[in-house]
Amino acid sequence: MNILIVEDEPHVISILKRGLTEEGFETSVAPDAYIALDMVAAHSFSLIVLDIMLPGLNGLELCKQLKKIHPQIPIIMLTALGSTENIVTGLDNGADDYLVKPFKIAELSARIRMLLRRYSGFQQAEDLITIADLQMNLSAKSVKRAEQEITLTATEYRLLQFMAINKNKILSRIDILENVWDIDFNMGTNVVDVYVNYLRKKIDKPFSTNLIHTVVGLGYILKEK
């Protein structure tokens, strides 16, 4: 597994390279966004560890560009900012997970392995999932309801994908955090509720019946009426 580290601080690079190598990963380093884009175009990477604060093009914009070109590569974003607002901003730009500095290499490694397992599991899922008049094509990464195309952000798409693969199952907030973002942080955050609300506005609100349901005290479920 070759991990691309996009980071410009030498001491952080040293810690990441040494720690991830000890965890059994191969690592490559890009000190800025433009070199990272060139490296991703020329080489195959299993995952990208991306710092937000980069010289020139910042990590948020780089993440957005990388996900447009290579949506199959998971990205973990590193930052010193850990509020719900900052987490949502990172995820809206396509990040799969979000780790606040300072962090332990063991935690980063665990999140990397979980992300790699999750992407592998999604790739093995059926290509077309149907719930009532909602269709999700995993190969084309497209979503339709009542034959109308629905445009989702990268994070909204991952959330719907997880719910669709697990249709008719109650999913707790912890289930969603661990499988959509691989995030294990204070459950006081409302990031799951924020994104479920985003999805409802696009998947349910314009149509006559709701598919996303709240199960009080337990979580959410995607199912027919």
C-alpha atoms as a PDB file:
ATOM      1  CA  MET A   1       0.000   0.000   0.000  1.00  0.00           C
ATOM      2  CA  ASN A   2       1.600   3.244  -1.162  1.00  0.00           C
ATOM      3  CA  ILE A   3       0.498   6.317   0.802  1.00  0.00           C
ATOM      4  CA  LEU A   4       1.049   9.819  -0.588  1.00  0.00           C
ATOM      5  CA  ILE A   5       1.813  12.387   2.116  1.00  0.00           C
ATOM      6  CA  VAL A   6       1.108  15.971   1.033  1.00  0.00           C
ATOM      7  CA  GLU A   7       2.811  18.102   3.667  1.00  0.00           C
ATOM      8  CA  ASP A   8       5.316  20.981   3.655  1.00  0.00           C
ATOM      9  CA  GLU A   9       6.596  20.904   7.251  1.00  0.00           C
ATOM     10  CA  PRO A  10       9.816  18.803   7.411  1.00  0.00           C
ATOM     11  CA  HIS A  11       9.349  17.613  11.011  1.00  0.00           C
ATOM     12  CA  VAL A  12       5.767  16.476  10.305  1.00  0.00           C
ATOM     13  CA  ILE A  13       6.942  14.698   7.146  1.00  0.00           C
ATOM     14  CA  SER A  14       9.626  12.918   9.156  1.00  0.00           C
ATOM     15  CA  ILE A  15       7.129  11.775  11.801  1.00  0.00           C
ATOM     16  CA  LEU A  16       4.604  10.575   9.218  1.00  0.00           C
ATOM     17  CA  LYS A  17       7.149   8.753   7.054  1.00  0.00           C
ATOM     18  CA  ARG A  18       8.790   6.995   9.980  1.00  0.00           C
ATOM     19  CA  GLY A  19       5.538   6.125  11.694  1.00  0.00           C
ATOM     20  CA  LEU A  20       3.705   4.841   8.613  1.00  0.00           C
ATOM     21  CA  THR A  21       6.760   2.875   7.466  1.00  0.00           C
ATOM     22  CA  GLU A  22       6.856   1.168  10.856  1.00  0.00           C
ATOM     23  CA  GLU A  23       3.146   0.353  10.384  1.00  0.00           C
ATOM     24  CA  GLY A  24       3.964  -1.441   7.127  1.00  0.00           C
ATOM     25  CA  PHE A  25       3.056   1.214   4.543  1.00  0.00           C
ATOM     26  CA  GLU A  26       5.153   2.522   1.682  1.00  0.00           C
ATOM     27  CA  THR A  27       5.196   6.327   1.600  1.00  0.00           C
ATOM     28  CA  SER A  28       5.867   9.070  -0.920  1.00  0.00           C
ATOM     29  CA  VAL A  29       5.951  12.812  -0.192  1.00  0.00           C
ATOM     30  CA  ALA A  30       4.730  15.863  -2.099  1.00  0.00           C
ATOM     31  CA  PRO A  31       5.661  19.221  -0.483  1.00  0.00           C
ATOM     32  CA  ASP A  32       2.952  21.181  -2.291  1.00  0.00           C
ATOM     33  CA  ALA A  33      -0.305  20.750  -4.202  1.00  0.00           C
ATOM     34  CA  TYR A  34       1.144  21.051  -7.696  1.00  0.00           C
ATOM     35  CA  ILE A  35       3.738  18.349  -7.128  1.00  0.00           C
ATOM     36  CA  ALA A  36       0.989  16.200  -5.574  1.00  0.00           C
ATOM     37  CA  LEU A  37      -1.170  16.533  -8.711  1.00  0.00           C
ATOM     38  CA  ASP A  38       1.781  15.531 -10.898  1.00  0.00           C
ATOM     39  CA  MET A  39       2.601  12.538  -8.690  1.00  0.00           C
ATOM     40  CA  VAL A  40      -0.995  11.292  -8.608  1.00  0.00           C
ATOM     41  CA  ALA A  41      -1.138  11.566 -12.402  1.00  0.00           C
ATOM     42  CA  ALA A  42       2.064   9.568 -12.790  1.00  0.00           C
ATOM     43  CA  HIS A  43       1.774   6.955 -10.022  1.00  0.00           C
ATOM     44  CA  SER A  44      -0.809   4.763  -8.295  1.00  0.00           C
ATOM     45  CA  PHE A  45      -1.570   5.550  -4.651  1.00  0.00           C
ATOM     46  CA  SER A  46      -3.809   3.626  -2.256  1.00  0.00           C
ATOM     47  CA  LEU A  47      -4.561   6.672  -0.079  1.00  0.00           C
ATOM     48  CA  ILE A  48      -3.569  10.317   0.394  1.00  0.00           C
ATOM     49  CA  VAL A  49      -2.770  12.035   3.702  1.00  0.00           C
ATOM     50  CA  LEU A  50      -3.284  15.734   3.032  1.00  0.00           C
ATOM     51  CA  ASP A  51      -2.505  18.782   5.157  1.00  0.00           C
ATOM     52  CA  ILE A  52      -4.866  21.749   4.775  1.00  0.00           C
ATOM     53  CA  MET A  53      -2.192  24.452   5.145  1.00  0.00           C
ATOM     54  CA  LEU A  54      -0.010  24.192   2.044  1.00  0.00           C
ATOM     55  CA  PRO A  55       1.982  26.815   0.135  1.00  0.00           C
ATOM     56  CA  GLY A  56       0.213  28.048  -2.988  1.00  0.00           C
ATOM     57  CA  LEU A  57      -2.885  25.944  -3.600  1.00  0.00           C
ATOM     58  CA  ASN A  58      -4.321  24.948  -0.204  1.00  0.00           C
ATOM     59  CA  GLY A  59      -5.329  21.457   0.856  1.00  0.00           C
ATOM     60  CA  LEU A  60      -9.065  22.085   0.542  1.00  0.00           C
ATOM     61  CA  GLU A  61      -8.820  23.081  -3.109  1.00  0.00           C
ATOM     62  CA  LEU A  62      -6.359  20.271  -3.821  1.00  0.00           C
ATOM     63  CA  CYS A  63      -8.714  17.754  -2.224  1.00  0.00           C
ATOM     64  CA  LYS A  64     -11.565  18.975  -4.422  1.00  0.00           C
ATOM     65  CA  GLN A  65      -9.444  18.638  -7.571  1.00  0.00           C
ATOM     66  CA  LEU A  66      -8.113  15.202  -6.629  1.00  0.00           C
ATOM     67  CA  LYS A  67     -11.603  13.830  -5.966  1.00  0.00           C
ATOM     68  CA  LYS A  68     -12.818  15.038  -9.366  1.00  0.00           C
ATOM     69  CA  ILE A  69      -9.957  13.260 -11.134  1.00  0.00           C
ATOM     70  CA  HIS A  70      -9.526  10.216  -8.877  1.00  0.00           C
ATOM     71  CA  PRO A  71     -12.699   9.653  -6.796  1.00  0.00           C
ATOM     72  CA  GLN A  72     -11.537   6.132  -5.960  1.00  0.00           C
ATOM     73  CA  ILE A  73      -8.568   7.346  -3.854  1.00  0.00           C
ATOM     74  CA  PRO A  74      -9.504   7.961  -0.199  1.00  0.00           C
ATOM     75  CA  ILE A  75      -8.173  11.146   1.415  1.00  0.00           C
ATOM     76  CA  ILE A  76      -7.476  11.860   5.078  1.00  0.00           C
ATOM     77  CA  MET A  77      -7.171  15.564   5.829  1.00  0.00           C
ATOM     78  CA  LEU A  78      -4.861  16.885   8.577  1.00  0.00           C
ATOM     79  CA  THR A  79      -5.515  20.182  10.312  1.00  0.00           C
ATOM     80  CA  ALA A  80      -5.080  22.069  13.559  1.00  0.00           C
ATOM     81  CA  LEU A  81      -8.754  23.131  13.470  1.00  0.00           C
ATOM     82  CA  GLY A  82     -11.294  20.725  14.939  1.00  0.00           C
ATOM     83  CA  SER A  83     -14.666  22.491  15.128  1.00  0.00           C
ATOM     84  CA  THR A  84     -17.762  21.022  13.480  1.00  0.00           C
ATOM     85  CA  GLU A  85     -17.716  23.895  10.964  1.00  0.00           C
ATOM     86  CA  ASN A  86     -14.130  23.117   9.935  1.00  0.00           C
ATOM     87  CA  ILE A  87     -14.845  19.408   9.750  1.00  0.00           C
ATOM     88  CA  VAL A  88     -17.852  20.028   7.496  1.00  0.00           C
ATOM     89  CA  THR A  89     -15.761  22.312   5.265  1.00  0.00           C
ATOM     90  CA  GLY A  90     -13.119  19.631   4.822  1.00  0.00           C
ATOM     91  CA  LEU A  91     -15.669  16.916   4.137  1.00  0.00           C
ATOM     92  CA  ASP A  92     -17.561  19.141   1.692  1.00  0.00           C
ATOM     93  CA  ASN A  93     -14.374  19.390  -0.324  1.00  0.00           C
ATOM     94  CA  GLY A  94     -14.217  15.601  -0.652  1.00  0.00           C
ATOM     95  CA  ALA A  95     -12.161  14.423   2.326  1.00  0.00           C
ATOM     96  CA  ASP A  96     -13.067  10.958   3.600  1.00  0.00           C
ATOM     97  CA  ASP A  97     -11.742  11.533   7.096  1.00  0.00           C
ATOM     98  CA  TYR A  98     -10.416  14.394   9.191  1.00  0.00           C
ATOM     99  CA  LEU A  99      -7.667  14.160  11.810  1.00  0.00           C
ATOM    100  CA  VAL A 100      -6.849  17.037  14.154  1.00  0.00           C
ATOM    101  CA  LYS A 101      -3.230  17.772  15.068  1.00  0.00           C
ATOM    102  CA  PRO A 102      -1.583  16.651  17.231  1.00  0.00           C
ATOM    103  CA  PHE A 103      -2.454  12.989  16.692  1.00  0.00           C
ATOM    104  CA  LYS A 104      -0.889   9.588  17.301  1.00  0.00           C
ATOM    105  CA  ILE A 105       0.459   7.531  14.407  1.00  0.00           C
ATOM    106  CA  ALA A 106      -1.454   4.518  15.733  1.00  0.00           C
ATOM    107  CA  GLU A 107      -4.728   6.418  15.293  1.00  0.00           C
ATOM    108  CA  LEU A 108      -3.789   7.575  11.787  1.00  0.00           C
ATOM    109  CA  SER A 109      -2.784   4.043  10.848  1.00  0.00           C
ATOM    110  CA  ALA A 110      -6.074   2.637  12.151  1.00  0.00           C
ATOM    111  CA  ARG A 111      -8.042   5.163  10.132  1.00  0.00           C
ATOM    112  CA  ILE A 112      -5.998   4.401   7.011  1.00  0.00           C
ATOM    113  CA  ARG A 113      -6.699   0.672   7.319  1.00  0.00           C
ATOM    114  CA  MET A 114     -10.403   1.276   7.958  1.00  0.00           C
ATOM    115  CA  LEU A 115     -10.660   3.576   4.929  1.00  0.00           C
ATOM    116  CA  LEU A 116      -8.930   1.034   2.709  1.00  0.00           C
ATOM    117  CA  ARG A 117     -11.321  -1.680   3.912  1.00  0.00           C
ATOM    118  CA  ARG A 118     -14.321   0.582   3.363  1.00  0.00           C
ATOM    119  CA  TYR A 119     -13.321   1.493  -0.201  1.00  0.00           C
ATOM    120  CA  SER A 120     -12.680  -2.156  -0.945  1.00  0.00           C
ATOM    121  CA  GLY A 121     -16.138  -3.062   0.392  1.00  0.00           C
ATOM    122  CA  PHE A 122     -17.841  -0.348  -1.652  1.00  0.00           C
ATOM    123  CA  GLN A 123     -16.123  -1.551  -4.807  1.00  0.00           C
ATOM    124  CA  GLN A 124     -17.579  -5.019  -4.246  1.00  0.00           C
ATOM    125  CA  ALA A 125     -21.141  -3.767  -3.767  1.00  0.00           C
ATOM    126  CA  GLU A 126     -23.773  -4.145  -6.463  1.00  0.00           C
ATOM    127  CA  ASP A 127     -23.538  -1.495  -9.181  1.00  0.00           C
ATOM    128  CA  LEU A 128     -27.189  -0.415  -9.172  1.00  0.00           C
ATOM    129  CA  ILE A 129     -29.175   0.061  -5.965  1.00  0.00           C
ATOM    130  CA  THR A 130     -32.889   0.852  -6.123  1.00  0.00           C
ATOM    131  CA  ILE A 131     -35.140   2.061  -3.312  1.00  0.00           C
ATOM    132  CA  ALA A 132     -38.639   2.946  -4.562  1.00  0.00           C
ATOM    133  CA  ASP A 133     -38.052   5.467  -7.375  1.00  0.00           C
ATOM    134  CA  LEU A 134     -34.494   6.259  -6.212  1.00  0.00           C
ATOM    135  CA  GLN A 135     -31.661   4.758  -8.269  1.00  0.00           C
ATOM    136  CA  MET A 136     -27.995   4.904  -7.333  1.00  0.00           C
ATOM    137  CA  ASN A 137     -25.446   3.745  -9.897  1.00  0.00           C
ATOM    138  CA  LEU A 138     -22.191   3.065  -8.069  1.00  0.00           C
ATOM    139  CA  SER A 139     -20.172   2.587 -11.255  1.00  0.00           C
ATOM    140  CA  ALA A 140     -21.306   5.848 -12.834  1.00  0.00           C
ATOM    141  CA  LYS A 141     -21.506   7.582  -9.426  1.00  0.00           C
ATOM    142  CA  SER A 142     -24.898   8.959 -10.408  1.00  0.00           C
ATOM    143  CA  VAL A 143     -28.143   9.371  -8.480  1.00  0.00           C
ATOM    144  CA  LYS A 144     -31.667   9.682  -9.885  1.00  0.00           C
ATOM    145  CA  ARG A 145     -35.088   9.912  -8.334  1.00  0.00           C
ATOM    146  CA  ALA A 146     -38.212   9.692 -10.483  1.00  0.00           C
ATOM    147  CA  GLU A 147     -35.801   9.841 -13.444  1.00  0.00           C
ATOM    148  CA  GLN A 148     -34.501  13.226 -12.307  1.00  0.00           C
ATOM    149  CA  GLU A 149     -30.723  13.577 -11.928  1.00  0.00           C
ATOM    150  CA  ILE A 150     -29.681  14.610  -8.413  1.00  0.00           C
ATOM    151  CA  THR A 151     -26.371  16.383  -7.855  1.00  0.00           C
ATOM    152  CA  LEU A 152     -24.627  15.544  -4.576  1.00  0.00           C
ATOM    153  CA  THR A 153     -21.383  16.680  -2.990  1.00  0.00           C
ATOM    154  CA  ALA A 154     -18.722  14.007  -2.432  1.00  0.00           C
ATOM    155  CA  THR A 155     -19.693  13.666   1.226  1.00  0.00           C
ATOM    156  CA  GLU A 156     -23.434  13.553   0.529  1.00  0.00           C
ATOM    157  CA  TYR A 157     -22.779  10.847  -2.052  1.00  0.00           C
ATOM    158  CA  ARG A 158     -20.772   8.711   0.390  1.00  0.00           C
ATOM    159  CA  LEU A 159     -23.488   9.058   3.017  1.00  0.00           C
ATOM    160  CA  LEU A 160     -26.218   8.050   0.577  1.00  0.00           C
ATOM    161  CA  GLN A 161     -24.050   5.188  -0.679  1.00  0.00           C
ATOM    162  CA  PHE A 162     -23.618   3.801   2.827  1.00  0.00           C
ATOM    163  CA  MET A 163     -27.323   4.142   3.576  1.00  0.00           C
ATOM    164  CA  ALA A 164     -28.283   2.600   0.225  1.00  0.00           C
ATOM    165  CA  ILE A 165     -25.970  -0.398   0.628  1.00  0.00           C
ATOM    166  CA  ASN A 166     -27.578  -0.861   4.059  1.00  0.00           C
ATOM    167  CA  LYS A 167     -31.141  -0.030   2.974  1.00  0.00           C
ATOM    168  CA  ASN A 168     -33.875  -1.107   5.397  1.00  0.00           C
ATOM    169  CA  LYS A 169     -31.337  -1.183   8.260  1.00  0.00           C
ATOM    170  CA  ILE A 170     -31.281   1.272  11.161  1.00  0.00           C
ATOM    171  CA  LEU A 171     -27.920   3.041  11.187  1.00  0.00           C
ATOM    172  CA  SER A 172     -26.760   4.772  14.353  1.00  0.00           C
ATOM    173  CA  ARG A 173     -24.764   7.994  14.267  1.00  0.00           C
ATOM    174  CA  ILE A 174     -21.703   5.998  15.325  1.00  0.00           C
ATOM    175  CA  ASP A 175     -22.261   3.552  12.423  1.00  0.00           C
ATOM    176  CA  ILE A 176     -22.378   6.470  10.019  1.00  0.00           C
ATOM    177  CA  LEU A 177     -19.341   8.255  11.491  1.00  0.00           C
ATOM    178  CA  GLU A 178     -17.199   5.124  11.409  1.00  0.00           C
ATOM    179  CA  ASN A 179     -18.214   3.959   7.929  1.00  0.00           C
ATOM    180  CA  VAL A 180     -18.759   7.175   6.000  1.00  0.00           C
ATOM    181  CA  TRP A 181     -15.943   9.238   7.504  1.00  0.00           C
ATOM    182  CA  ASP A 182     -14.094   6.794   9.769  1.00  0.00           C
ATOM    183  CA  ILE A 183     -14.287   9.514  12.396  1.00  0.00           C
ATOM    184  CA  ASP A 184     -14.372   8.750  16.096  1.00  0.00           C
ATOM    185  CA  PHE A 185     -14.777  12.046  17.874  1.00  0.00           C
ATOM    186  CA  ASN A 186     -16.989  13.569  20.567  1.00  0.00           C
ATOM    187  CA  MET A 187     -20.540  12.517  19.794  1.00  0.00           C
ATOM    188  CA  GLY A 188     -21.621  16.006  20.793  1.00  0.00           C
ATOM    189  CA  THR A 189     -20.858  17.028  17.213  1.00  0.00           C
ATOM    190  CA  ASN A 190     -23.867  17.253  14.929  1.00  0.00           C
ATOM    191  CA  VAL A 191     -22.043  16.553  11.658  1.00  0.00           C
ATOM    192  CA  VAL A 192     -24.149  13.442  10.920  1.00  0.00           C
ATOM    193  CA  ASP A 193     -27.409  15.302  11.458  1.00  0.00           C
ATOM    194  CA  VAL A 194     -26.160  18.165   9.293  1.00  0.00           C
ATOM    195  CA  TYR A 195     -25.446  15.859   6.372  1.00  0.00           C
ATOM    196  CA  VAL A 196     -28.610  13.812   6.749  1.00  0.00           C
ATOM    197  CA  ASN A 197     -30.490  17.112   6.553  1.00  0.00           C
ATOM    198  CA  TYR A 198     -28.532  18.055   3.407  1.00  0.00           C
ATOM    199  CA  LEU A 199     -29.506  14.730   1.836  1.00  0.00           C
ATOM    200  CA  ARG A 200     -33.160  15.088   2.779  1.00  0.00           C
ATOM    201  CA  LYS A 201     -33.352  18.437   1.008  1.00  0.00           C
ATOM    202  CA  LYS A 202     -32.173  16.792  -2.220  1.00  0.00           C
ATOM    203  CA  ILE A 203     -33.523  13.234  -1.967  1.00  0.00           C
ATOM    204  CA  ASP A 204     -36.856  13.760  -0.187  1.00  0.00           C
ATOM    205  CA  LYS A 205     -38.015  17.377  -0.150  1.00  0.00           C
ATOM    206  CA  PRO A 206     -38.703  17.756  -3.911  1.00  0.00           C
ATOM    207  CA  PHE A 207     -40.726  14.515  -4.007  1.00  0.00           C
ATOM    208  CA  SER A 208     -44.046  13.288  -2.618  1.00  0.00           C
ATOM    209  CA  THR A 209     -42.698  10.565  -0.300  1.00  0.00           C
ATOM    210  CA  ASN A 210     -39.772  10.435   2.096  1.00  0.00           C
ATOM    211  CA  LEU A 211     -37.141   7.698   1.929  1.00  0.00           C
ATOM    212  CA  ILE A 212     -34.855   8.883   4.753  1.00  0.00           C
ATOM    213  CA  HIS A 213     -36.476   8.293   8.146  1.00  0.00           C
ATOM    214  CA  THR A 214     -35.428   9.125  11.700  1.00  0.00           C
ATOM    215  CA  VAL A 215     -35.732   6.335  14.251  1.00  0.00           C
ATOM    216  CA  VAL A 216     -35.922   8.227  17.527  1.00  0.00           C
ATOM    217  CA  GLY A 217     -33.127   7.291  19.905  1.00  0.00           C
ATOM    218  CA  LEU A 218     -31.507   4.915  17.398  1.00  0.00           C
ATOM    219  CA  GLY A 219     -30.497   6.718  14.212  1.00  0.00           C
ATOM    220  CA  TYR A 220     -31.571   6.795  10.582  1.00  0.00           C
ATOM    221  CA  ILE A 221     -32.893   4.369   7.977  1.00  0.00           C
ATOM    222  CA  LEU A 222     -33.270   4.517   4.192  1.00  0.00           C
ATOM    223  CA  LYS A 223     -36.364   2.607   3.122  1.00  0.00           C
ATOM    224  CA  GLU A 224     -39.629   2.779   1.210  1.00  0.00           C
ATOM    225  CA  LYS A 225     -42.637   4.158   3.029  1.00  0.00           C
END
